[in-house]
Amino acid sequence: MKINESKIKQIIAEEMAAIEDKQYFDYTDKEGGMAKRQLYDMAKYALMLHDALGDETQLEGWVQSKITLAQDYISKVKHYLEDELGMNSKGCGEPIPMAVTDSEVFTIDDEDEYLMET
């Protein structure tokens, strides 16, 4: 069977019509849930590291660099969501404070309890 230009155009038109009939573009994935899980894990690990390090702890350069990069990346995402998408840190309430004082204590006691709330 010889395929000419008009046959190729016909095949393409048929495939395009088949795609339009299907609901490919109505699919929504679970990106928000995945991001929330990753952010939860990051927060948990960050708190563990924060509690494990002393003010005088000496860290290798590559460790300091990774902490700086992680902070920079998450900061950029936060500001993007706030500025470009009109979101704030709590989704629809007041932004969470960016500074932590000595009197504030943050703990993540039970992962299952957190996941049941969300």
C-alpha atoms as a PDB file:
ATOM      1  CA  MET A   1       0.000   0.000   0.000  1.00  0.00           C
ATOM      2  CA  LYS A   2       1.396   3.320  -1.052  1.00  0.00           C
ATOM      3  CA  ILE A   3       0.821   6.239   1.299  1.00  0.00           C
ATOM      4  CA  ASN A   4       0.568   9.667  -0.236  1.00  0.00           C
ATOM      5  CA  GLU A   5       0.149  13.109   1.294  1.00  0.00           C
ATOM      6  CA  SER A   6      -3.652  13.032   1.260  1.00  0.00           C
ATOM      7  CA  LYS A   7      -3.703   9.626   3.012  1.00  0.00           C
ATOM      8  CA  ILE A   8      -1.360  10.946   5.729  1.00  0.00           C
ATOM      9  CA  LYS A   9      -3.604  14.004   6.219  1.00  0.00           C
ATOM     10  CA  GLN A  10      -6.638  11.713   6.486  1.00  0.00           C
ATOM     11  CA  ILE A  11      -4.929   9.520   9.103  1.00  0.00           C
ATOM     12  CA  ILE A  12      -3.891  12.569  11.121  1.00  0.00           C
ATOM     13  CA  ALA A  13      -7.424  14.007  10.957  1.00  0.00           C
ATOM     14  CA  GLU A  14      -8.901  10.695  12.140  1.00  0.00           C
ATOM     15  CA  GLU A  15      -6.455  10.485  15.050  1.00  0.00           C
ATOM     16  CA  MET A  16      -7.149  14.092  16.047  1.00  0.00           C
ATOM     17  CA  ALA A  17     -10.893  13.404  16.024  1.00  0.00           C
ATOM     18  CA  ALA A  18     -10.387  10.281  18.155  1.00  0.00           C
ATOM     19  CA  ILE A  19      -8.375  12.256  20.706  1.00  0.00           C
ATOM     20  CA  GLU A  20     -11.043  14.961  20.906  1.00  0.00           C
ATOM     21  CA  ASP A  21     -13.686  12.322  21.680  1.00  0.00           C
ATOM     22  CA  LYS A  22     -11.723  11.026  24.651  1.00  0.00           C
ATOM     23  CA  GLN A  23     -11.592  12.818  27.984  1.00  0.00           C
ATOM     24  CA  TYR A  24      -7.801  13.179  28.116  1.00  0.00           C
ATOM     25  CA  PHE A  25      -7.941  16.842  28.954  1.00  0.00           C
ATOM     26  CA  ASP A  26     -10.428  16.468  31.822  1.00  0.00           C
ATOM     27  CA  TYR A  27      -8.035  14.332  33.872  1.00  0.00           C
ATOM     28  CA  THR A  28      -6.869  15.750  37.189  1.00  0.00           C
ATOM     29  CA  ASP A  29      -4.042  14.167  39.063  1.00  0.00           C
ATOM     30  CA  LYS A  30      -3.066  14.176  42.719  1.00  0.00           C
ATOM     31  CA  GLU A  31      -0.204  16.692  42.532  1.00  0.00           C
ATOM     32  CA  GLY A  32      -1.478  18.655  45.521  1.00  0.00           C
ATOM     33  CA  GLY A  33      -1.564  15.571  47.722  1.00  0.00           C
ATOM     34  CA  MET A  34       1.885  14.505  46.611  1.00  0.00           C
ATOM     35  CA  ALA A  35       3.292  17.965  47.274  1.00  0.00           C
ATOM     36  CA  LYS A  36       1.677  18.061  50.720  1.00  0.00           C
ATOM     37  CA  ARG A  37       3.255  14.699  51.598  1.00  0.00           C
ATOM     38  CA  GLN A  38       6.690  15.872  50.447  1.00  0.00           C
ATOM     39  CA  LEU A  39       6.341  19.143  52.363  1.00  0.00           C
ATOM     40  CA  TYR A  40       5.278  17.249  55.481  1.00  0.00           C
ATOM     41  CA  ASP A  41       8.349  14.999  55.240  1.00  0.00           C
ATOM     42  CA  MET A  42      10.604  18.013  54.692  1.00  0.00           C
ATOM     43  CA  ALA A  43       9.159  19.774  57.728  1.00  0.00           C
ATOM     44  CA  LYS A  44       9.581  16.664  59.870  1.00  0.00           C
ATOM     45  CA  TYR A  45      13.206  16.168  58.808  1.00  0.00           C
ATOM     46  CA  ALA A  46      13.974  19.876  59.175  1.00  0.00           C
ATOM     47  CA  LEU A  47      12.671  19.857  62.766  1.00  0.00           C
ATOM     48  CA  MET A  48      14.711  16.760  63.589  1.00  0.00           C
ATOM     49  CA  LEU A  49      17.863  18.357  62.181  1.00  0.00           C
ATOM     50  CA  HIS A  50      17.114  21.661  63.901  1.00  0.00           C
ATOM     51  CA  ASP A  51      16.832  19.902  67.260  1.00  0.00           C
ATOM     52  CA  ALA A  52      19.957  17.789  66.648  1.00  0.00           C
ATOM     53  CA  LEU A  53      22.242  20.703  65.743  1.00  0.00           C
ATOM     54  CA  GLY A  54      23.775  22.990  68.313  1.00  0.00           C
ATOM     55  CA  ASP A  55      24.683  26.607  67.672  1.00  0.00           C
ATOM     56  CA  GLU A  56      28.372  25.652  67.646  1.00  0.00           C
ATOM     57  CA  THR A  57      28.001  22.524  65.479  1.00  0.00           C
ATOM     58  CA  GLN A  58      30.522  22.501  62.635  1.00  0.00           C
ATOM     59  CA  LEU A  59      29.152  21.278  59.315  1.00  0.00           C
ATOM     60  CA  GLU A  60      30.996  20.371  56.155  1.00  0.00           C
ATOM     61  CA  GLY A  61      30.659  22.793  53.277  1.00  0.00           C
ATOM     62  CA  TRP A  62      28.552  20.464  51.142  1.00  0.00           C
ATOM     63  CA  VAL A  63      26.071  20.027  54.030  1.00  0.00           C
ATOM     64  CA  GLN A  64      25.735  23.783  54.485  1.00  0.00           C
ATOM     65  CA  SER A  65      25.278  24.143  50.728  1.00  0.00           C
ATOM     66  CA  LYS A  66      22.445  21.579  50.609  1.00  0.00           C
ATOM     67  CA  ILE A  67      20.628  23.306  53.483  1.00  0.00           C
ATOM     68  CA  THR A  68      20.991  26.662  51.718  1.00  0.00           C
ATOM     69  CA  LEU A  69      19.696  25.227  48.429  1.00  0.00           C
ATOM     70  CA  ALA A  70      16.726  23.548  50.112  1.00  0.00           C
ATOM     71  CA  GLN A  71      15.799  26.786  51.875  1.00  0.00           C
ATOM     72  CA  ASP A  72      16.176  28.767  48.659  1.00  0.00           C
ATOM     73  CA  TYR A  73      14.052  26.348  46.615  1.00  0.00           C
ATOM     74  CA  ILE A  74      11.195  26.158  49.118  1.00  0.00           C
ATOM     75  CA  SER A  75      11.269  29.943  49.542  1.00  0.00           C
ATOM     76  CA  LYS A  76      10.949  30.429  45.785  1.00  0.00           C
ATOM     77  CA  VAL A  77       7.966  28.053  45.617  1.00  0.00           C
ATOM     78  CA  LYS A  78       6.282  29.821  48.544  1.00  0.00           C
ATOM     79  CA  HIS A  79       6.706  33.248  46.988  1.00  0.00           C
ATOM     80  CA  TYR A  80       5.586  32.009  43.575  1.00  0.00           C
ATOM     81  CA  LEU A  81       2.382  30.561  45.003  1.00  0.00           C
ATOM     82  CA  GLU A  82       1.706  33.729  46.961  1.00  0.00           C
ATOM     83  CA  ASP A  83       2.536  36.222  44.224  1.00  0.00           C
ATOM     84  CA  GLU A  84       1.598  34.528  40.961  1.00  0.00           C
ATOM     85  CA  LEU A  85      -1.330  32.354  41.991  1.00  0.00           C
ATOM     86  CA  GLY A  86      -2.802  34.544  44.715  1.00  0.00           C
ATOM     87  CA  MET A  87      -2.342  31.922  47.398  1.00  0.00           C
ATOM     88  CA  ASN A  88      -1.064  32.522  50.864  1.00  0.00           C
ATOM     89  CA  SER A  89       0.703  30.136  53.217  1.00  0.00           C
ATOM     90  CA  LYS A  90      -2.488  28.709  54.717  1.00  0.00           C
ATOM     91  CA  GLY A  91      -4.370  28.393  51.453  1.00  0.00           C
ATOM     92  CA  CYS A  92      -7.093  30.939  52.218  1.00  0.00           C
ATOM     93  CA  GLY A  93      -6.301  32.446  55.644  1.00  0.00           C
ATOM     94  CA  GLU A  94      -3.575  34.635  57.053  1.00  0.00           C
ATOM     95  CA  PRO A  95       0.039  33.915  56.040  1.00  0.00           C
ATOM     96  CA  ILE A  96       1.990  31.917  58.597  1.00  0.00           C
ATOM     97  CA  PRO A  97       4.769  33.821  60.388  1.00  0.00           C
ATOM     98  CA  MET A  98       8.190  33.349  58.842  1.00  0.00           C
ATOM     99  CA  ALA A  99      10.161  33.743  62.078  1.00  0.00           C
ATOM    100  CA  VAL A 100      10.208  31.368  65.031  1.00  0.00           C
ATOM    101  CA  THR A 101      10.880  32.663  68.509  1.00  0.00           C
ATOM    102  CA  ASP A 102      12.355  30.675  71.385  1.00  0.00           C
ATOM    103  CA  SER A 103       8.933  30.545  73.037  1.00  0.00           C
ATOM    104  CA  GLU A 104       7.342  28.805  70.049  1.00  0.00           C
ATOM    105  CA  VAL A 105       7.651  25.040  69.925  1.00  0.00           C
ATOM    106  CA  PHE A 106       6.835  23.043  66.834  1.00  0.00           C
ATOM    107  CA  THR A 107       6.393  19.303  67.019  1.00  0.00           C
ATOM    108  CA  ILE A 108       5.133  16.661  64.675  1.00  0.00           C
ATOM    109  CA  ASP A 109       3.888  14.013  67.037  1.00  0.00           C
ATOM    110  CA  ASP A 110       1.857  11.592  65.005  1.00  0.00           C
ATOM    111  CA  GLU A 111       2.080  11.282  61.274  1.00  0.00           C
ATOM    112  CA  ASP A 112      -1.130   9.260  60.996  1.00  0.00           C
ATOM    113  CA  GLU A 113      -3.073  11.895  62.931  1.00  0.00           C
ATOM    114  CA  TYR A 114      -1.813  14.589  60.554  1.00  0.00           C
ATOM    115  CA  LEU A 115      -2.716  12.568  57.482  1.00  0.00           C
ATOM    116  CA  MET A 116      -6.236  11.894  58.791  1.00  0.00           C
ATOM    117  CA  GLU A 117      -6.791  15.661  59.245  1.00  0.00           C
ATOM    118  CA  THR A 118      -5.853  16.492  55.652  1.00  0.00           C
END
